[in-house]
């Protein structure tokens, strides 16, 4: 039985689930300038994935592109905050 596809799908689901609260917390505490903290590890993981075997390469690629997508979501989260759909940090100014 081929279970690799199910495991990759499950890993993708878990990785996506982990990054949603990470994006919310990063935007809340550090603002949009925190996107770089997600982009650099994404680039590193993407480069590493070129040199790994099949399953590890796929999982590293999924993780890398989840990090890249989270970079975009940091800015979307700021928009949600400004529209009142997400919580503002009272210790930061939103100009």
PDB file of N, CA and C in Angstrom:
ATOM      1  N   UNK A   1       0.846  -1.178   0.000  1.00  0.00           N
ATOM      2  CA  UNK A   1       0.000   0.000   0.000  1.00  0.00           C
ATOM      3  C   UNK A   1       0.893   1.242   0.000  1.00  0.00           C
ATOM      4  N   UNK A   2       0.473   2.238  -0.782  1.00  0.00           N
ATOM      5  CA  UNK A   2       1.244   3.475  -0.877  1.00  0.00           C
ATOM      6  C   UNK A   2       0.654   4.499   0.082  1.00  0.00           C
ATOM      7  N   UNK A   3       1.401   4.818   1.099  1.00  0.00           N
ATOM      8  CA  UNK A   3       0.920   5.721   2.140  1.00  0.00           C
ATOM      9  C   UNK A   3       1.631   7.072   2.101  1.00  0.00           C
ATOM     10  N   UNK A   4       2.605   7.208   1.222  1.00  0.00           N
ATOM     11  CA  UNK A   4       3.393   8.439   1.167  1.00  0.00           C
ATOM     12  C   UNK A   4       2.532   9.665   0.884  1.00  0.00           C
ATOM     13  N   UNK A   5       1.603   9.544  -0.035  1.00  0.00           N
ATOM     14  CA  UNK A   5       0.735  10.681  -0.372  1.00  0.00           C
ATOM     15  C   UNK A   5      -0.095  11.140   0.806  1.00  0.00           C
ATOM     16  N   UNK A   6      -0.620  10.177   1.567  1.00  0.00           N
ATOM     17  CA  UNK A   6      -1.417  10.518   2.749  1.00  0.00           C
ATOM     18  C   UNK A   6      -0.545  11.211   3.786  1.00  0.00           C
ATOM     19  N   UNK A   7       0.663  10.708   3.981  1.00  0.00           N
ATOM     20  CA  UNK A   7       1.568  11.323   4.960  1.00  0.00           C
ATOM     21  C   UNK A   7       1.976  12.732   4.544  1.00  0.00           C
ATOM     22  N   UNK A   8       2.224  12.942   3.264  1.00  0.00           N
ATOM     23  CA  UNK A   8       2.574  14.282   2.785  1.00  0.00           C
ATOM     24  C   UNK A   8       1.390  15.227   2.950  1.00  0.00           C
ATOM     25  N   UNK A   9       0.187  14.750   2.648  1.00  0.00           N
ATOM     26  CA  UNK A   9      -1.014  15.566   2.846  1.00  0.00           C
ATOM     27  C   UNK A   9      -1.214  15.918   4.305  1.00  0.00           C
ATOM     28  N   UNK A  10      -1.025  14.949   5.192  1.00  0.00           N
ATOM     29  CA  UNK A  10      -1.161  15.195   6.626  1.00  0.00           C
ATOM     30  C   UNK A  10      -0.110  16.195   7.111  1.00  0.00           C
ATOM     31  N   UNK A  11       1.122  16.035   6.635  1.00  0.00           N
ATOM     32  CA  UNK A  11       2.185  16.971   7.021  1.00  0.00           C
ATOM     33  C   UNK A  11       1.871  18.373   6.522  1.00  0.00           C
ATOM     34  N   UNK A  12       1.350  18.492   5.304  1.00  0.00           N
ATOM     35  CA  UNK A  12       0.972  19.805   4.764  1.00  0.00           C
ATOM     36  C   UNK A  12      -0.120  20.444   5.606  1.00  0.00           C
ATOM     37  N   UNK A  13      -1.082  19.651   6.004  1.00  0.00           N
ATOM     38  CA  UNK A  13      -2.176  20.131   6.845  1.00  0.00           C
ATOM     39  C   UNK A  13      -1.652  20.634   8.192  1.00  0.00           C
ATOM     40  N   UNK A  14      -0.762  19.880   8.802  1.00  0.00           N
ATOM     41  CA  UNK A  14      -0.198  20.268  10.102  1.00  0.00           C
ATOM     42  C   UNK A  14       0.657  21.522   9.972  1.00  0.00           C
ATOM     43  N   UNK A  15       1.486  21.586   8.941  1.00  0.00           N
ATOM     44  CA  UNK A  15       2.344  22.760   8.734  1.00  0.00           C
ATOM     45  C   UNK A  15       1.504  24.011   8.541  1.00  0.00           C
ATOM     46  N   UNK A  16       0.456  23.907   7.730  1.00  0.00           N
ATOM     47  CA  UNK A  16      -0.435  25.049   7.516  1.00  0.00           C
ATOM     48  C   UNK A  16      -1.104  25.464   8.818  1.00  0.00           C
ATOM     49  N   UNK A  17      -1.538  24.496   9.597  1.00  0.00           N
ATOM     50  CA  UNK A  17      -2.170  24.785  10.876  1.00  0.00           C
ATOM     51  C   UNK A  17      -1.239  25.448  11.873  1.00  0.00           C
ATOM     52  N   UNK A  18       0.020  25.113  11.811  1.00  0.00           N
ATOM     53  CA  UNK A  18       1.006  25.713  12.719  1.00  0.00           C
ATOM     54  C   UNK A  18       1.280  27.165  12.348  1.00  0.00           C
ATOM     55  N   UNK A  19       1.345  27.456  11.059  1.00  0.00           N
ATOM     56  CA  UNK A  19       1.737  28.801  10.640  1.00  0.00           C
ATOM     57  C   UNK A  19       0.641  29.845  10.797  1.00  0.00           C
ATOM     58  N   UNK A  20      -0.619  29.443  10.870  1.00  0.00           N
ATOM     59  CA  UNK A  20      -1.670  30.454  11.060  1.00  0.00           C
ATOM     60  C   UNK A  20      -1.489  31.225  12.364  1.00  0.00           C
ATOM     61  N   UNK A  21      -1.375  30.562  13.517  1.00  0.00           N
ATOM     62  CA  UNK A  21      -1.158  31.341  14.751  1.00  0.00           C
ATOM     63  C   UNK A  21       0.199  32.039  14.791  1.00  0.00           C
ATOM     64  N   UNK A  22       1.198  31.490  14.104  1.00  0.00           N
ATOM     65  CA  UNK A  22       2.508  32.140  14.056  1.00  0.00           C
ATOM     66  C   UNK A  22       2.389  33.500  13.376  1.00  0.00           C
ATOM     67  N   UNK A  23       1.655  33.549  12.264  1.00  0.00           N
ATOM     68  CA  UNK A  23       1.457  34.809  11.542  1.00  0.00           C
ATOM     69  C   UNK A  23       0.724  35.819  12.420  1.00  0.00           C
ATOM     70  N   UNK A  24      -0.314  35.372  13.103  1.00  0.00           N
ATOM     71  CA  UNK A  24      -1.091  36.268  13.963  1.00  0.00           C
ATOM     72  C   UNK A  24      -0.206  36.843  15.068  1.00  0.00           C
ATOM     73  N   UNK A  25       0.565  35.996  15.714  1.00  0.00           N
ATOM     74  CA  UNK A  25       1.436  36.453  16.806  1.00  0.00           C
ATOM     75  C   UNK A  25       2.550  37.374  16.305  1.00  0.00           C
ATOM     76  N   UNK A  26       3.167  37.023  15.176  1.00  0.00           N
ATOM     77  CA  UNK A  26       4.235  37.873  14.649  1.00  0.00           C
ATOM     78  C   UNK A  26       3.719  39.261  14.305  1.00  0.00           C
ATOM     79  N   UNK A  27       2.566  39.338  13.660  1.00  0.00           N
ATOM     80  CA  UNK A  27       2.018  40.647  13.319  1.00  0.00           C
ATOM     81  C   UNK A  27       1.628  41.405  14.576  1.00  0.00           C
ATOM     82  N   UNK A  28       1.067  40.735  15.561  1.00  0.00           N
ATOM     83  CA  UNK A  28       0.629  41.383  16.792  1.00  0.00           C
ATOM     84  C   UNK A  28       1.818  41.996  17.538  1.00  0.00           C
ATOM     85  N   UNK A  29       2.899  41.235  17.685  1.00  0.00           N
ATOM     86  CA  UNK A  29       4.025  41.703  18.484  1.00  0.00           C
ATOM     87  C   UNK A  29       5.065  42.513  17.697  1.00  0.00           C
ATOM     88  N   UNK A  30       5.269  42.196  16.421  1.00  0.00           N
ATOM     89  CA  UNK A  30       6.370  42.812  15.682  1.00  0.00           C
ATOM     90  C   UNK A  30       5.950  43.569  14.426  1.00  0.00           C
ATOM     91  N   UNK A  31       4.715  43.423  13.995  1.00  0.00           N
ATOM     92  CA  UNK A  31       4.243  44.134  12.812  1.00  0.00           C
ATOM     93  C   UNK A  31       4.695  43.482  11.521  1.00  0.00           C
ATOM     94  N   UNK A  32       4.547  44.225  10.436  1.00  0.00           N
ATOM     95  CA  UNK A  32       4.844  43.666   9.119  1.00  0.00           C
ATOM     96  C   UNK A  32       6.337  43.487   8.851  1.00  0.00           C
ATOM     97  N   UNK A  33       7.178  44.147   9.642  1.00  0.00           N
ATOM     98  CA  UNK A  33       8.618  43.980   9.417  1.00  0.00           C
ATOM     99  C   UNK A  33       9.105  42.568   9.761  1.00  0.00           C
ATOM    100  N   UNK A  34       8.251  41.764  10.367  1.00  0.00           N
ATOM    101  CA  UNK A  34       8.636  40.397  10.728  1.00  0.00           C
ATOM    102  C   UNK A  34       8.567  39.430   9.547  1.00  0.00           C
ATOM    103  N   UNK A  35       8.148  39.888   8.384  1.00  0.00           N
ATOM    104  CA  UNK A  35       8.060  38.999   7.228  1.00  0.00           C
ATOM    105  C   UNK A  35       9.422  38.413   6.866  1.00  0.00           C
ATOM    106  N   UNK A  36      10.473  39.147   7.114  1.00  0.00           N
ATOM    107  CA  UNK A  36      11.818  38.682   6.762  1.00  0.00           C
ATOM    108  C   UNK A  36      12.212  37.468   7.590  1.00  0.00           C
ATOM    109  N   UNK A  37      11.674  37.379   8.810  1.00  0.00           N
ATOM    110  CA  UNK A  37      11.965  36.233   9.678  1.00  0.00           C
ATOM    111  C   UNK A  37      11.349  34.951   9.132  1.00  0.00           C
ATOM    112  N   UNK A  38      10.392  35.091   8.251  1.00  0.00           N
ATOM    113  CA  UNK A  38       9.785  33.927   7.610  1.00  0.00           C
ATOM    114  C   UNK A  38      10.423  33.655   6.242  1.00  0.00           C
ATOM    115  N   UNK A  39      10.835  34.697   5.577  1.00  0.00           N
ATOM    116  CA  UNK A  39      11.370  34.558   4.214  1.00  0.00           C
ATOM    117  C   UNK A  39      12.754  33.904   4.203  1.00  0.00           C
ATOM    118  N   UNK A  40      13.627  34.321   5.075  1.00  0.00           N
ATOM    119  CA  UNK A  40      14.994  33.782   5.084  1.00  0.00           C
ATOM    120  C   UNK A  40      15.016  32.280   5.371  1.00  0.00           C
ATOM    121  N   UNK A  41      14.317  31.795   6.416  1.00  0.00           N
ATOM    122  CA  UNK A  41      14.292  30.331   6.597  1.00  0.00           C
ATOM    123  C   UNK A  41      13.638  29.609   5.419  1.00  0.00           C
ATOM    124  N   UNK A  42      12.653  30.239   4.781  1.00  0.00           N
ATOM    125  CA  UNK A  42      12.028  29.637   3.609  1.00  0.00           C
ATOM    126  C   UNK A  42      13.024  29.446   2.479  1.00  0.00           C
ATOM    127  N   UNK A  43      13.840  30.448   2.239  1.00  0.00           N
ATOM    128  CA  UNK A  43      14.866  30.349   1.189  1.00  0.00           C
ATOM    129  C   UNK A  43      15.880  29.259   1.528  1.00  0.00           C
ATOM    130  N   UNK A  44      16.307  29.230   2.790  1.00  0.00           N
ATOM    131  CA  UNK A  44      17.281  28.214   3.218  1.00  0.00           C
ATOM    132  C   UNK A  44      16.699  26.806   3.059  1.00  0.00           C
ATOM    133  N   UNK A  45      15.454  26.609   3.504  1.00  0.00           N
ATOM    134  CA  UNK A  45      14.837  25.291   3.385  1.00  0.00           C
ATOM    135  C   UNK A  45      14.619  24.890   1.930  1.00  0.00           C
ATOM    136  N   UNK A  46      14.287  25.846   1.095  1.00  0.00           N
ATOM    137  CA  UNK A  46      14.110  25.553  -0.323  1.00  0.00           C
ATOM    138  C   UNK A  46      15.426  25.086  -0.957  1.00  0.00           C
ATOM    139  N   UNK A  47      16.517  25.755  -0.611  1.00  0.00           N
ATOM    140  CA  UNK A  47      17.828  25.350  -1.134  1.00  0.00           C
ATOM    141  C   UNK A  47      18.214  23.971  -0.607  1.00  0.00           C
ATOM    142  N   UNK A  48      17.980  23.727   0.674  1.00  0.00           N
ATOM    143  CA  UNK A  48      18.299  22.417   1.255  1.00  0.00           C
ATOM    144  C   UNK A  48      17.481  21.321   0.600  1.00  0.00           C
ATOM    145  N   UNK A  49      16.224  21.617   0.245  1.00  0.00           N
ATOM    146  CA  UNK A  49      15.358  20.594  -0.339  1.00  0.00           C
ATOM    147  C   UNK A  49      15.886  20.073  -1.675  1.00  0.00           C
ATOM    148  N   UNK A  50      16.695  20.860  -2.371  1.00  0.00           N
ATOM    149  CA  UNK A  50      17.274  20.404  -3.638  1.00  0.00           C
ATOM    150  C   UNK A  50      18.263  19.253  -3.445  1.00  0.00           C
ATOM    151  N   UNK A  51      18.790  19.117  -2.245  1.00  0.00           N
ATOM    152  CA  UNK A  51      19.835  18.136  -2.006  1.00  0.00           C
ATOM    153  C   UNK A  51      19.387  16.947  -1.166  1.00  0.00           C
ATOM    154  N   UNK A  52      18.087  16.817  -0.920  1.00  0.00           N
ATOM    155  CA  UNK A  52      17.570  15.732  -0.085  1.00  0.00           C
ATOM    156  C   UNK A  52      16.878  14.676  -0.937  1.00  0.00           C
ATOM    157  N   UNK A  53      16.562  13.539  -0.294  1.00  0.00           N
ATOM    158  CA  UNK A  53      15.844  12.497  -1.020  1.00  0.00           C
ATOM    159  C   UNK A  53      14.368  12.882  -1.158  1.00  0.00           C
ATOM    160  N   UNK A  54      13.595  12.040  -1.778  1.00  0.00           N
ATOM    161  CA  UNK A  54      12.245  12.369  -2.220  1.00  0.00           C
ATOM    162  C   UNK A  54      11.329  12.889  -1.117  1.00  0.00           C
ATOM    163  N   UNK A  55      11.068  12.114  -0.104  1.00  0.00           N
ATOM    164  CA  UNK A  55      10.101  12.506   0.927  1.00  0.00           C
ATOM    165  C   UNK A  55      10.590  13.728   1.691  1.00  0.00           C
ATOM    166  N   UNK A  56      11.825  13.730   2.110  1.00  0.00           N
ATOM    167  CA  UNK A  56      12.370  14.863   2.859  1.00  0.00           C
ATOM    168  C   UNK A  56      12.353  16.115   1.989  1.00  0.00           C
ATOM    169  N   UNK A  57      12.684  15.975   0.729  1.00  0.00           N
ATOM    170  CA  UNK A  57      12.665  17.107  -0.195  1.00  0.00           C
ATOM    171  C   UNK A  57      11.260  17.684  -0.327  1.00  0.00           C
ATOM    172  N   UNK A  58      10.268  16.812  -0.445  1.00  0.00           N
ATOM    173  CA  UNK A  58       8.883  17.268  -0.564  1.00  0.00           C
ATOM    174  C   UNK A  58       8.454  18.003   0.698  1.00  0.00           C
ATOM    175  N   UNK A  59       8.749  17.439   1.845  1.00  0.00           N
ATOM    176  CA  UNK A  59       8.342  18.078   3.111  1.00  0.00           C
ATOM    177  C   UNK A  59       9.055  19.406   3.325  1.00  0.00           C
ATOM    178  N   UNK A  60      10.329  19.478   2.978  1.00  0.00           N
ATOM    179  CA  UNK A  60      11.046  20.745   3.094  1.00  0.00           C
ATOM    180  C   UNK A  60      10.498  21.780   2.114  1.00  0.00           C
ATOM    181  N   UNK A  61      10.127  21.335   0.919  1.00  0.00           N
ATOM    182  CA  UNK A  61       9.513  22.240  -0.051  1.00  0.00           C
ATOM    183  C   UNK A  61       8.173  22.764   0.434  1.00  0.00           C
ATOM    184  N   UNK A  62       7.352  21.892   1.007  1.00  0.00           N
ATOM    185  CA  UNK A  62       6.060  22.321   1.567  1.00  0.00           C
ATOM    186  C   UNK A  62       6.291  23.319   2.695  1.00  0.00           C
ATOM    187  N   UNK A  63       7.244  23.029   3.551  1.00  0.00           N
ATOM    188  CA  UNK A  63       7.554  23.936   4.658  1.00  0.00           C
ATOM    189  C   UNK A  63       8.075  25.274   4.132  1.00  0.00           C
ATOM    190  N   UNK A  64       8.943  25.248   3.134  1.00  0.00           N
ATOM    191  CA  UNK A  64       9.494  26.485   2.563  1.00  0.00           C
ATOM    192  C   UNK A  64       8.384  27.347   1.967  1.00  0.00           C
ATOM    193  N   UNK A  65       7.506  26.743   1.184  1.00  0.00           N
ATOM    194  CA  UNK A  65       6.459  27.534   0.554  1.00  0.00           C
ATOM    195  C   UNK A  65       5.374  27.951   1.542  1.00  0.00           C
ATOM    196  N   UNK A  66       5.220  27.223   2.627  1.00  0.00           N
ATOM    197  CA  UNK A  66       4.334  27.678   3.699  1.00  0.00           C
ATOM    198  C   UNK A  66       4.924  28.922   4.368  1.00  0.00           C
ATOM    199  N   UNK A  67       6.225  28.952   4.510  1.00  0.00           N
ATOM    200  CA  UNK A  67       6.892  30.141   5.043  1.00  0.00           C
ATOM    201  C   UNK A  67       6.730  31.322   4.092  1.00  0.00           C
ATOM    202  N   UNK A  68       6.864  31.078   2.786  1.00  0.00           N
ATOM    203  CA  UNK A  68       6.687  32.152   1.808  1.00  0.00           C
ATOM    204  C   UNK A  68       5.249  32.681   1.847  1.00  0.00           C
ATOM    205  N   UNK A  69       4.287  31.777   1.937  1.00  0.00           N
ATOM    206  CA  UNK A  69       2.885  32.195   1.994  1.00  0.00           C
ATOM    207  C   UNK A  69       2.625  32.993   3.273  1.00  0.00           C
ATOM    208  N   UNK A  70       3.277  32.617   4.353  1.00  0.00           N
ATOM    209  CA  UNK A  70       3.114  33.337   5.617  1.00  0.00           C
ATOM    210  C   UNK A  70       3.660  34.756   5.511  1.00  0.00           C
ATOM    211  N   UNK A  71       4.681  34.967   4.677  1.00  0.00           N
ATOM    212  CA  UNK A  71       5.179  36.328   4.437  1.00  0.00           C
ATOM    213  C   UNK A  71       4.060  37.199   3.866  1.00  0.00           C
ATOM    214  N   UNK A  72       3.304  36.651   2.936  1.00  0.00           N
ATOM    215  CA  UNK A  72       2.178  37.380   2.350  1.00  0.00           C
ATOM    216  C   UNK A  72       1.085  37.589   3.394  1.00  0.00           C
ATOM    217  N   UNK A  73       0.835  36.569   4.199  1.00  0.00           N
ATOM    218  CA  UNK A  73      -0.231  36.642   5.196  1.00  0.00           C
ATOM    219  C   UNK A  73       0.060  37.665   6.297  1.00  0.00           C
ATOM    220  N   UNK A  74       1.320  37.957   6.558  1.00  0.00           N
ATOM    221  CA  UNK A  74       1.664  38.999   7.541  1.00  0.00           C
ATOM    222  C   UNK A  74       1.024  40.321   7.117  1.00  0.00           C
ATOM    223  N   UNK A  75       1.120  40.649   5.838  1.00  0.00           N
ATOM    224  CA  UNK A  75       0.552  41.905   5.343  1.00  0.00           C
ATOM    225  C   UNK A  75      -0.976  41.847   5.294  1.00  0.00           C
ATOM    226  N   UNK A  76      -1.523  40.698   4.965  1.00  0.00           N
ATOM    227  CA  UNK A  76      -2.977  40.551   4.990  1.00  0.00           C
ATOM    228  C   UNK A  76      -3.512  40.641   6.416  1.00  0.00           C
ATOM    229  N   UNK A  77      -2.734  40.133   7.370  1.00  0.00           N
ATOM    230  CA  UNK A  77      -3.137  40.214   8.773  1.00  0.00           C
ATOM    231  C   UNK A  77      -3.173  41.664   9.226  1.00  0.00           C
ATOM    232  N   UNK A  78      -2.228  42.459   8.780  1.00  0.00           N
ATOM    233  CA  UNK A  78      -2.243  43.890   9.125  1.00  0.00           C
ATOM    234  C   UNK A  78      -3.513  44.542   8.597  1.00  0.00           C
ATOM    235  N   UNK A  79      -3.920  44.190   7.385  1.00  0.00           N
ATOM    236  CA  UNK A  79      -5.157  44.726   6.826  1.00  0.00           C
ATOM    237  C   UNK A  79      -6.347  44.310   7.673  1.00  0.00           C
ATOM    238  N   UNK A  80      -6.370  43.050   8.109  1.00  0.00           N
ATOM    239  CA  UNK A  80      -7.465  42.583   8.970  1.00  0.00           C
ATOM    240  C   UNK A  80      -7.489  43.346  10.287  1.00  0.00           C
ATOM    241  N   UNK A  81      -6.320  43.653  10.820  1.00  0.00           N
ATOM    242  CA  UNK A  81      -6.244  44.425  12.069  1.00  0.00           C
ATOM    243  C   UNK A  81      -6.790  45.831  11.851  1.00  0.00           C
ATOM    244  N   UNK A  82      -6.380  46.463  10.770  1.00  0.00           N
ATOM    245  CA  UNK A  82      -6.829  47.830  10.497  1.00  0.00           C
ATOM    246  C   UNK A  82      -8.327  47.902  10.231  1.00  0.00           C
ATOM    247  N   UNK A  83      -8.898  46.837   9.694  1.00  0.00           N
ATOM    248  CA  UNK A  83     -10.343  46.797   9.445  1.00  0.00           C
ATOM    249  C   UNK A  83     -11.137  46.374  10.685  1.00  0.00           C
ATOM    250  N   UNK A  84     -10.433  46.014  11.749  1.00  0.00           N
ATOM    251  CA  UNK A  84     -11.101  45.631  12.985  1.00  0.00           C
ATOM    252  C   UNK A  84     -11.484  44.164  13.052  1.00  0.00           C
ATOM    253  N   UNK A  85     -11.009  43.362  12.138  1.00  0.00           N
ATOM    254  CA  UNK A  85     -11.334  41.928  12.125  1.00  0.00           C
ATOM    255  C   UNK A  85     -10.380  41.107  12.980  1.00  0.00           C
ATOM    256  N   UNK A  86      -9.281  41.705  13.392  1.00  0.00           N
ATOM    257  CA  UNK A  86      -8.310  41.040  14.259  1.00  0.00           C
ATOM    258  C   UNK A  86      -7.905  42.024  15.355  1.00  0.00           C
ATOM    259  N   UNK A  87      -7.344  41.484  16.404  1.00  0.00           N
ATOM    260  CA  UNK A  87      -7.010  42.267  17.578  1.00  0.00           C
ATOM    261  C   UNK A  87      -5.785  43.143  17.358  1.00  0.00           C
ATOM    262  N   UNK A  88      -5.895  44.407  17.799  1.00  0.00           N
ATOM    263  CA  UNK A  88      -4.754  45.323  17.751  1.00  0.00           C
ATOM    264  C   UNK A  88      -3.904  45.169  19.001  1.00  0.00           C
ATOM    265  N   UNK A  89      -2.628  45.406  18.835  1.00  0.00           N
ATOM    266  CA  UNK A  89      -1.725  45.452  19.979  1.00  0.00           C
ATOM    267  C   UNK A  89      -1.769  46.878  20.525  1.00  0.00           C
ATOM    268  N   UNK A  90      -2.225  47.067  21.754  1.00  0.00           N
ATOM    269  CA  UNK A  90      -2.333  48.428  22.276  1.00  0.00           C
ATOM    270  C   UNK A  90      -0.978  49.106  22.505  1.00  0.00           C
ATOM    271  N   UNK A  91       0.099  48.354  22.488  1.00  0.00           N
ATOM    272  CA  UNK A  91       1.429  48.924  22.702  1.00  0.00           C
ATOM    273  C   UNK A  91       2.117  49.367  21.407  1.00  0.00           C
ATOM    274  N   UNK A  92       1.432  49.229  20.269  1.00  0.00           N
ATOM    275  CA  UNK A  92       2.007  49.619  18.981  1.00  0.00           C
ATOM    276  C   UNK A  92       1.109  50.629  18.318  1.00  0.00           C
ATOM    277  N   UNK A  93       1.698  51.455  17.475  1.00  0.00           N
ATOM    278  CA  UNK A  93       0.888  52.392  16.689  1.00  0.00           C
ATOM    279  C   UNK A  93       0.679  51.817  15.303  1.00  0.00           C
ATOM    280  N   UNK A  94      -0.520  52.004  14.775  1.00  0.00           N
ATOM    281  CA  UNK A  94      -0.871  51.509  13.440  1.00  0.00           C
ATOM    282  C   UNK A  94      -1.091  52.714  12.554  1.00  0.00           C
ATOM    283  N   UNK A  95      -0.039  53.208  11.946  1.00  0.00           N
ATOM    284  CA  UNK A  95      -0.134  54.394  11.111  1.00  0.00           C
ATOM    285  C   UNK A  95      -0.115  54.040   9.657  1.00  0.00           C
TER     286      UNK A  95
END
